[in-house]
N, C-alpha and C. Protein backbone atom coordinates (compact mmCIF):
# COMPACT_ATOMS: atom_id res chain seq x y z
N UNK A 1 -8.17 50.83 25.51
CA UNK A 1 -9.54 50.73 25.99
C UNK A 1 -9.65 51.43 27.34
N UNK A 2 -10.71 52.16 27.49
CA UNK A 2 -10.92 52.88 28.75
C UNK A 2 -11.23 51.93 29.89
N UNK A 3 -10.86 52.33 31.08
CA UNK A 3 -11.12 51.56 32.27
C UNK A 3 -12.62 51.58 32.59
N UNK A 4 -13.20 50.39 32.73
CA UNK A 4 -14.64 50.28 32.99
C UNK A 4 -15.03 51.01 34.26
N UNK A 5 -14.27 50.81 35.32
CA UNK A 5 -14.60 51.42 36.60
C UNK A 5 -14.61 52.95 36.50
N UNK A 6 -13.64 53.52 35.79
CA UNK A 6 -13.57 54.97 35.63
C UNK A 6 -14.79 55.51 34.89
N UNK A 7 -15.16 54.85 33.80
CA UNK A 7 -16.31 55.28 33.00
C UNK A 7 -17.60 55.16 33.80
N UNK A 8 -17.81 54.01 34.43
CA UNK A 8 -19.04 53.79 35.21
C UNK A 8 -19.13 54.77 36.36
N UNK A 9 -18.05 54.98 37.06
CA UNK A 9 -18.05 55.90 38.20
C UNK A 9 -18.39 57.32 37.76
N UNK A 10 -17.83 57.76 36.64
CA UNK A 10 -18.14 59.11 36.14
C UNK A 10 -19.62 59.23 35.77
N UNK A 11 -20.16 58.21 35.13
CA UNK A 11 -21.58 58.24 34.77
C UNK A 11 -22.44 58.23 36.02
N UNK A 12 -22.13 57.35 36.97
CA UNK A 12 -22.92 57.28 38.20
C UNK A 12 -22.84 58.56 39.00
N UNK A 13 -21.69 59.21 39.03
CA UNK A 13 -21.56 60.50 39.73
C UNK A 13 -22.52 61.51 39.13
N UNK A 14 -22.67 61.48 37.82
CA UNK A 14 -23.56 62.43 37.13
C UNK A 14 -25.03 62.08 37.36
N UNK A 15 -25.41 60.81 37.17
CA UNK A 15 -26.83 60.45 37.27
C UNK A 15 -27.32 60.41 38.71
N UNK A 16 -26.40 60.28 39.66
CA UNK A 16 -26.80 60.28 41.08
C UNK A 16 -27.37 61.63 41.49
N UNK A 17 -27.10 62.66 40.71
CA UNK A 17 -27.65 64.00 40.99
C UNK A 17 -29.14 64.06 40.68
N UNK A 18 -29.63 63.08 39.96
CA UNK A 18 -31.04 63.01 39.58
C UNK A 18 -31.71 61.90 40.39
N UNK A 19 -32.74 61.32 39.84
CA UNK A 19 -33.46 60.27 40.56
C UNK A 19 -33.02 58.88 40.11
N UNK A 20 -31.75 58.67 40.00
CA UNK A 20 -31.23 57.37 39.60
C UNK A 20 -31.44 56.36 40.73
N UNK A 21 -31.71 55.14 40.35
CA UNK A 21 -31.88 54.02 41.28
C UNK A 21 -30.63 53.16 41.12
N UNK A 22 -29.63 53.40 41.97
CA UNK A 22 -28.34 52.72 41.90
C UNK A 22 -28.21 51.82 43.12
N UNK A 23 -27.91 50.56 42.88
CA UNK A 23 -27.87 49.58 43.97
C UNK A 23 -26.45 49.39 44.49
N UNK A 24 -26.37 48.76 45.64
CA UNK A 24 -25.07 48.45 46.23
C UNK A 24 -24.34 47.47 45.32
N UNK A 25 -23.02 47.39 45.44
CA UNK A 25 -22.25 46.46 44.60
C UNK A 25 -22.63 45.00 44.86
N UNK A 26 -22.51 44.19 43.82
CA UNK A 26 -22.71 42.74 43.95
C UNK A 26 -21.44 42.12 44.52
N UNK A 27 -21.61 41.07 45.27
CA UNK A 27 -20.47 40.32 45.77
C UNK A 27 -20.07 39.26 44.74
N UNK A 28 -18.87 38.73 44.87
CA UNK A 28 -18.44 37.64 43.99
C UNK A 28 -19.37 36.44 44.12
N UNK A 29 -19.83 36.16 45.34
CA UNK A 29 -20.75 35.04 45.56
C UNK A 29 -22.09 35.26 44.86
N UNK A 30 -22.60 36.50 44.85
CA UNK A 30 -23.86 36.78 44.16
C UNK A 30 -23.71 36.61 42.64
N UNK A 31 -22.58 37.04 42.11
CA UNK A 31 -22.34 36.87 40.68
C UNK A 31 -22.18 35.39 40.34
N UNK A 32 -21.47 34.65 41.18
CA UNK A 32 -21.30 33.21 40.97
C UNK A 32 -22.65 32.48 41.00
N UNK A 33 -23.50 32.83 41.96
CA UNK A 33 -24.84 32.21 42.06
C UNK A 33 -25.68 32.57 40.84
N UNK A 34 -25.61 33.81 40.42
CA UNK A 34 -26.35 34.25 39.23
C UNK A 34 -25.90 33.47 38.00
N UNK A 35 -24.59 33.29 37.83
CA UNK A 35 -24.08 32.52 36.70
C UNK A 35 -24.55 31.07 36.76
N UNK A 36 -24.61 30.50 37.95
CA UNK A 36 -25.13 29.14 38.12
C UNK A 36 -26.60 29.08 37.72
N UNK A 37 -27.38 30.07 38.15
CA UNK A 37 -28.81 30.12 37.80
C UNK A 37 -28.99 30.32 36.30
N UNK A 38 -28.14 31.15 35.68
CA UNK A 38 -28.21 31.33 34.23
C UNK A 38 -27.90 30.02 33.52
N UNK A 39 -26.90 29.29 33.99
CA UNK A 39 -26.55 27.99 33.42
C UNK A 39 -27.74 27.03 33.52
N UNK A 40 -28.43 27.06 34.67
CA UNK A 40 -29.58 26.17 34.89
C UNK A 40 -30.71 26.40 33.89
N UNK A 41 -30.83 27.63 33.38
CA UNK A 41 -31.90 27.91 32.41
C UNK A 41 -31.36 27.91 30.97
N UNK A 42 -30.11 27.46 30.79
CA UNK A 42 -29.55 27.31 29.45
C UNK A 42 -28.94 28.57 28.86
N UNK A 43 -28.59 29.52 29.72
CA UNK A 43 -27.99 30.78 29.24
C UNK A 43 -26.48 30.78 29.47
N UNK A 44 -25.83 31.65 28.75
CA UNK A 44 -24.40 31.86 28.94
C UNK A 44 -24.17 32.63 30.24
N UNK A 45 -22.93 32.62 30.70
CA UNK A 45 -22.55 33.34 31.92
C UNK A 45 -22.46 34.84 31.64
N UNK A 46 -22.50 35.60 32.71
CA UNK A 46 -22.34 37.05 32.62
C UNK A 46 -20.94 37.35 32.09
N UNK A 47 -20.84 38.16 31.04
CA UNK A 47 -19.50 38.51 30.54
C UNK A 47 -18.72 39.30 31.58
N UNK A 48 -17.41 39.17 31.55
CA UNK A 48 -16.54 39.77 32.56
C UNK A 48 -16.72 41.29 32.66
N UNK A 49 -16.88 41.97 31.53
CA UNK A 49 -17.06 43.43 31.57
C UNK A 49 -18.34 43.80 32.32
N UNK A 50 -19.41 43.04 32.09
CA UNK A 50 -20.66 43.33 32.78
C UNK A 50 -20.53 43.00 34.27
N UNK A 51 -19.80 41.95 34.59
CA UNK A 51 -19.56 41.61 35.99
C UNK A 51 -18.85 42.77 36.70
N UNK A 52 -18.00 43.48 35.99
CA UNK A 52 -17.33 44.66 36.57
C UNK A 52 -18.35 45.74 36.93
N UNK A 53 -19.34 45.95 36.07
CA UNK A 53 -20.43 46.89 36.40
C UNK A 53 -21.13 46.43 37.67
N UNK A 54 -21.46 45.14 37.74
CA UNK A 54 -22.19 44.62 38.90
C UNK A 54 -21.40 44.79 40.19
N UNK A 55 -20.09 44.77 40.09
CA UNK A 55 -19.25 44.97 41.28
C UNK A 55 -19.23 46.43 41.72
N UNK A 56 -19.72 47.32 40.86
CA UNK A 56 -19.86 48.73 41.20
C UNK A 56 -21.30 49.01 41.64
N UNK A 57 -22.25 48.45 40.92
CA UNK A 57 -23.67 48.57 41.25
C UNK A 57 -24.37 47.32 40.74
N UNK A 58 -25.07 46.63 41.62
CA UNK A 58 -25.75 45.38 41.27
C UNK A 58 -27.06 45.70 40.55
N UNK A 59 -26.92 46.40 39.42
CA UNK A 59 -28.05 46.84 38.63
C UNK A 59 -28.36 48.30 38.92
N UNK A 60 -29.00 48.95 37.96
CA UNK A 60 -29.44 50.33 38.17
C UNK A 60 -30.51 50.69 37.16
N UNK A 61 -31.24 51.72 37.48
CA UNK A 61 -32.29 52.22 36.61
C UNK A 61 -32.21 53.74 36.59
N UNK A 62 -32.28 54.29 35.37
CA UNK A 62 -32.23 55.74 35.23
C UNK A 62 -32.70 56.15 33.85
N UNK A 63 -33.60 57.10 33.81
CA UNK A 63 -34.00 57.77 32.57
C UNK A 63 -34.37 56.80 31.45
N UNK A 64 -35.13 55.78 31.79
CA UNK A 64 -35.58 54.81 30.79
C UNK A 64 -34.67 53.61 30.61
N UNK A 65 -33.51 53.62 31.24
CA UNK A 65 -32.58 52.48 31.16
C UNK A 65 -32.71 51.63 32.41
N UNK A 66 -32.68 50.33 32.23
CA UNK A 66 -32.62 49.37 33.33
C UNK A 66 -31.50 48.38 33.03
N UNK A 67 -30.49 48.38 33.88
CA UNK A 67 -29.40 47.40 33.77
C UNK A 67 -29.62 46.39 34.89
N UNK A 68 -29.82 45.14 34.50
CA UNK A 68 -30.25 44.10 35.44
C UNK A 68 -29.12 43.59 36.31
N UNK A 69 -29.45 43.32 37.57
CA UNK A 69 -28.50 42.81 38.53
C UNK A 69 -28.72 41.33 38.81
N UNK A 70 -28.16 40.87 39.90
CA UNK A 70 -28.20 39.44 40.23
C UNK A 70 -29.48 39.03 40.96
N UNK A 71 -30.27 40.00 41.39
CA UNK A 71 -31.54 39.69 42.04
C UNK A 71 -32.52 40.83 41.80
N UNK A 72 -33.81 40.51 41.92
CA UNK A 72 -34.87 41.50 41.73
C UNK A 72 -34.93 42.42 42.95
N UNK A 73 -35.17 43.71 42.68
CA UNK A 73 -35.23 44.69 43.76
C UNK A 73 -36.50 45.51 43.63
N UNK A 74 -37.14 45.75 44.76
CA UNK A 74 -38.33 46.61 44.80
C UNK A 74 -37.98 47.85 45.62
N UNK A 75 -38.23 49.02 45.01
CA UNK A 75 -38.04 50.27 45.74
C UNK A 75 -39.25 50.47 46.64
N UNK A 76 -39.01 50.61 47.91
CA UNK A 76 -40.10 50.68 48.89
C UNK A 76 -41.02 51.87 48.68
N UNK A 77 -40.46 53.03 48.44
CA UNK A 77 -41.29 54.24 48.39
C UNK A 77 -42.24 54.27 47.18
N UNK A 78 -41.79 53.77 46.03
CA UNK A 78 -42.63 53.84 44.83
C UNK A 78 -43.22 52.50 44.42
N UNK A 79 -42.65 51.41 44.91
CA UNK A 79 -43.09 50.09 44.50
C UNK A 79 -42.45 49.64 43.18
N UNK A 80 -41.58 50.48 42.63
CA UNK A 80 -40.89 50.15 41.38
C UNK A 80 -40.07 48.87 41.54
N UNK A 81 -40.11 48.01 40.53
CA UNK A 81 -39.35 46.75 40.56
C UNK A 81 -38.31 46.76 39.44
N UNK A 82 -37.07 46.52 39.81
CA UNK A 82 -35.99 46.32 38.85
C UNK A 82 -35.74 44.82 38.77
N UNK A 83 -36.02 44.25 37.61
CA UNK A 83 -35.88 42.81 37.45
C UNK A 83 -34.42 42.37 37.48
N UNK A 84 -34.25 41.08 37.69
CA UNK A 84 -32.91 40.49 37.71
C UNK A 84 -32.60 39.87 36.35
N UNK A 85 -31.34 39.66 36.10
CA UNK A 85 -30.87 39.17 34.81
C UNK A 85 -31.39 37.76 34.50
N UNK A 86 -31.53 36.92 35.51
CA UNK A 86 -31.99 35.55 35.29
C UNK A 86 -33.45 35.55 34.86
N UNK A 87 -34.32 36.24 35.59
CA UNK A 87 -35.74 36.20 35.24
C UNK A 87 -36.02 36.83 33.89
N UNK A 88 -35.29 37.88 33.54
CA UNK A 88 -35.48 38.51 32.22
C UNK A 88 -35.09 37.53 31.12
N UNK A 89 -33.96 36.87 31.28
CA UNK A 89 -33.52 35.93 30.25
C UNK A 89 -34.37 34.68 30.20
N UNK A 90 -34.93 34.31 31.32
CA UNK A 90 -35.82 33.14 31.35
C UNK A 90 -37.13 33.43 30.64
N UNK A 91 -37.60 34.67 30.71
CA UNK A 91 -38.90 35.00 30.12
C UNK A 91 -38.83 35.38 28.65
N UNK A 92 -37.65 35.62 28.11
CA UNK A 92 -37.50 36.00 26.71
C UNK A 92 -36.92 34.84 25.91
N UNK A 93 -37.22 34.83 24.63
CA UNK A 93 -36.69 33.75 23.78
C UNK A 93 -35.68 34.32 22.79
N UNK A 94 -34.43 34.25 23.19
CA UNK A 94 -33.32 34.66 22.33
C UNK A 94 -32.47 33.43 22.07
N UNK A 95 -31.57 33.55 21.14
CA UNK A 95 -30.59 32.51 20.88
C UNK A 95 -29.84 32.20 22.18
N UNK A 96 -29.42 30.97 22.36
CA UNK A 96 -28.73 30.57 23.61
C UNK A 96 -27.41 31.28 23.83
N UNK A 97 -26.87 31.89 22.81
CA UNK A 97 -25.60 32.61 22.93
C UNK A 97 -25.78 34.10 23.15
N UNK A 98 -27.01 34.52 23.37
CA UNK A 98 -27.35 35.93 23.61
C UNK A 98 -27.81 36.06 25.07
N UNK A 99 -27.24 37.01 25.78
CA UNK A 99 -27.65 37.27 27.16
C UNK A 99 -28.16 38.71 27.26
N UNK A 100 -29.41 38.86 27.67
CA UNK A 100 -29.99 40.19 27.85
C UNK A 100 -29.43 40.79 29.13
N UNK A 101 -28.87 41.98 29.02
CA UNK A 101 -28.26 42.65 30.16
C UNK A 101 -29.06 43.87 30.62
N UNK A 102 -29.72 44.52 29.68
CA UNK A 102 -30.37 45.79 29.99
C UNK A 102 -31.48 46.08 28.99
N UNK A 103 -32.29 47.05 29.34
CA UNK A 103 -33.31 47.55 28.44
C UNK A 103 -33.30 49.07 28.50
N UNK A 104 -33.67 49.66 27.41
CA UNK A 104 -33.76 51.11 27.34
C UNK A 104 -34.71 51.47 26.23
N UNK A 105 -35.68 52.29 26.54
CA UNK A 105 -36.72 52.63 25.58
C UNK A 105 -37.36 51.34 25.08
N UNK A 106 -37.32 51.08 23.80
CA UNK A 106 -37.91 49.85 23.25
C UNK A 106 -36.84 48.85 22.82
N UNK A 107 -35.67 48.95 23.42
CA UNK A 107 -34.54 48.12 23.01
C UNK A 107 -34.03 47.23 24.13
N UNK A 108 -33.40 46.13 23.72
CA UNK A 108 -32.64 45.29 24.64
C UNK A 108 -31.17 45.50 24.34
N UNK A 109 -30.37 45.53 25.39
CA UNK A 109 -28.93 45.58 25.27
C UNK A 109 -28.42 44.23 25.72
N UNK A 110 -27.69 43.56 24.84
CA UNK A 110 -27.34 42.16 25.05
C UNK A 110 -25.85 41.93 24.83
N UNK A 111 -25.41 40.76 25.29
CA UNK A 111 -24.07 40.29 24.96
C UNK A 111 -24.23 39.10 24.03
N UNK A 112 -23.54 39.13 22.91
CA UNK A 112 -23.54 38.06 21.92
C UNK A 112 -22.23 37.30 22.09
N UNK A 113 -22.29 36.11 22.67
CA UNK A 113 -21.08 35.33 22.97
C UNK A 113 -20.39 34.80 21.72
N UNK A 114 -21.13 34.55 20.67
CA UNK A 114 -20.52 34.03 19.44
C UNK A 114 -19.62 35.09 18.81
N UNK A 115 -20.15 36.31 18.70
CA UNK A 115 -19.40 37.39 18.07
C UNK A 115 -18.59 38.22 19.06
N UNK A 116 -18.75 37.90 20.35
CA UNK A 116 -18.06 38.61 21.43
C UNK A 116 -18.27 40.12 21.32
N UNK A 117 -19.55 40.49 21.17
CA UNK A 117 -19.93 41.90 21.03
C UNK A 117 -21.14 42.20 21.89
N UNK A 118 -21.22 43.44 22.27
CA UNK A 118 -22.42 43.95 22.92
C UNK A 118 -23.27 44.54 21.80
N UNK A 119 -24.58 44.30 21.87
CA UNK A 119 -25.46 44.70 20.78
C UNK A 119 -26.73 45.33 21.32
N UNK A 120 -27.35 46.10 20.47
CA UNK A 120 -28.66 46.67 20.76
C UNK A 120 -29.65 46.03 19.79
N UNK A 121 -30.73 45.47 20.36
CA UNK A 121 -31.79 44.84 19.57
C UNK A 121 -33.10 45.57 19.82
N UNK A 122 -33.88 45.70 18.76
CA UNK A 122 -35.25 46.18 18.94
C UNK A 122 -35.99 45.11 19.73
N UNK A 123 -36.60 45.51 20.84
CA UNK A 123 -37.23 44.58 21.77
C UNK A 123 -38.43 43.85 21.16
N UNK A 124 -39.16 44.51 20.29
CA UNK A 124 -40.37 43.91 19.75
C UNK A 124 -40.11 42.92 18.62
N UNK A 125 -39.24 43.30 17.70
CA UNK A 125 -38.99 42.41 16.56
C UNK A 125 -37.64 41.70 16.64
N UNK A 126 -36.90 41.98 17.69
CA UNK A 126 -35.61 41.34 17.96
C UNK A 126 -34.67 41.44 16.76
N UNK A 127 -34.64 42.63 16.22
CA UNK A 127 -33.79 42.93 15.07
C UNK A 127 -32.59 43.74 15.56
N UNK A 128 -31.42 43.40 15.08
CA UNK A 128 -30.18 44.09 15.46
C UNK A 128 -30.22 45.54 15.00
N UNK A 129 -29.94 46.46 15.93
CA UNK A 129 -29.91 47.88 15.60
C UNK A 129 -28.48 48.37 15.47
N UNK A 130 -27.66 48.08 16.47
CA UNK A 130 -26.27 48.55 16.46
C UNK A 130 -25.42 47.59 17.29
N UNK A 131 -24.14 47.49 16.90
CA UNK A 131 -23.18 46.69 17.65
C UNK A 131 -22.17 47.63 18.30
N UNK A 132 -21.67 47.22 19.44
CA UNK A 132 -20.66 47.98 20.16
C UNK A 132 -19.43 47.09 20.31
N UNK A 133 -18.26 47.69 20.28
CA UNK A 133 -17.02 46.92 20.39
C UNK A 133 -16.77 46.42 21.81
N UNK A 134 -17.32 47.13 22.80
CA UNK A 134 -17.08 46.75 24.20
C UNK A 134 -18.24 47.22 25.06
N UNK A 135 -18.27 46.76 26.29
CA UNK A 135 -19.29 47.22 27.22
C UNK A 135 -19.12 48.72 27.51
N UNK A 136 -17.87 49.16 27.60
CA UNK A 136 -17.61 50.58 27.84
C UNK A 136 -18.22 51.42 26.71
N UNK A 137 -18.02 50.99 25.47
CA UNK A 137 -18.61 51.73 24.34
C UNK A 137 -20.13 51.74 24.45
N UNK A 138 -20.72 50.60 24.82
CA UNK A 138 -22.17 50.53 24.92
C UNK A 138 -22.71 51.49 25.99
N UNK A 139 -22.13 51.49 27.16
CA UNK A 139 -22.67 52.32 28.22
C UNK A 139 -22.40 53.80 27.96
N UNK A 140 -21.28 54.12 27.32
CA UNK A 140 -21.01 55.51 26.97
C UNK A 140 -21.99 56.01 25.91
N UNK A 141 -22.32 55.18 24.94
CA UNK A 141 -23.22 55.57 23.85
C UNK A 141 -24.68 55.61 24.27
N UNK A 142 -25.01 54.99 25.36
CA UNK A 142 -26.41 54.95 25.81
C UNK A 142 -26.58 55.87 27.03
N UNK A 143 -26.31 55.37 28.18
CA UNK A 143 -26.48 56.13 29.43
C UNK A 143 -25.57 57.34 29.45
N UNK A 144 -24.32 57.17 29.05
CA UNK A 144 -23.36 58.27 29.07
C UNK A 144 -23.80 59.45 28.25
N UNK A 145 -24.31 59.20 27.05
CA UNK A 145 -24.76 60.32 26.20
C UNK A 145 -25.89 61.10 26.87
N UNK A 146 -26.84 60.39 27.47
CA UNK A 146 -27.94 61.09 28.14
C UNK A 146 -27.49 61.78 29.41
N UNK A 147 -26.55 61.20 30.11
CA UNK A 147 -26.09 61.77 31.38
C UNK A 147 -25.35 63.09 31.18
N UNK A 148 -24.60 63.18 30.10
CA UNK A 148 -23.75 64.36 29.91
C UNK A 148 -24.29 65.34 28.87
N UNK A 149 -25.52 65.12 28.39
CA UNK A 149 -26.14 66.09 27.46
C UNK A 149 -26.57 67.34 28.18
């Protein structure tokens, strides 16, 4: 399996050349607080692979993709808001073992704790589109493909 940090760093190096909105890394305390808040609303904890992304960038937005971080962020110049993982999961009704991590186009990218897989769901009808074996596979097949095309 490829190293998450290597894959994420390569993608971020590429998308940073454009108008990517990449945030500073999350601290262990921010991730711990986020997991506590997720627990409070009946959600599963952030999977370890996704926590590794957050330790590189506490969420990011680029080219139609939004990967949620531990808190909501507003970009001052445009007023753009990148939502946080807790508020997104609180406002959507998914199975308790599904955690929404990101959105892209009309899809949600989630972690399914029962099957231990990352999945893509159609956002409107919440129908499974594709499964990924790992977070690395998911980010390479989504953001990575667009970044290196």
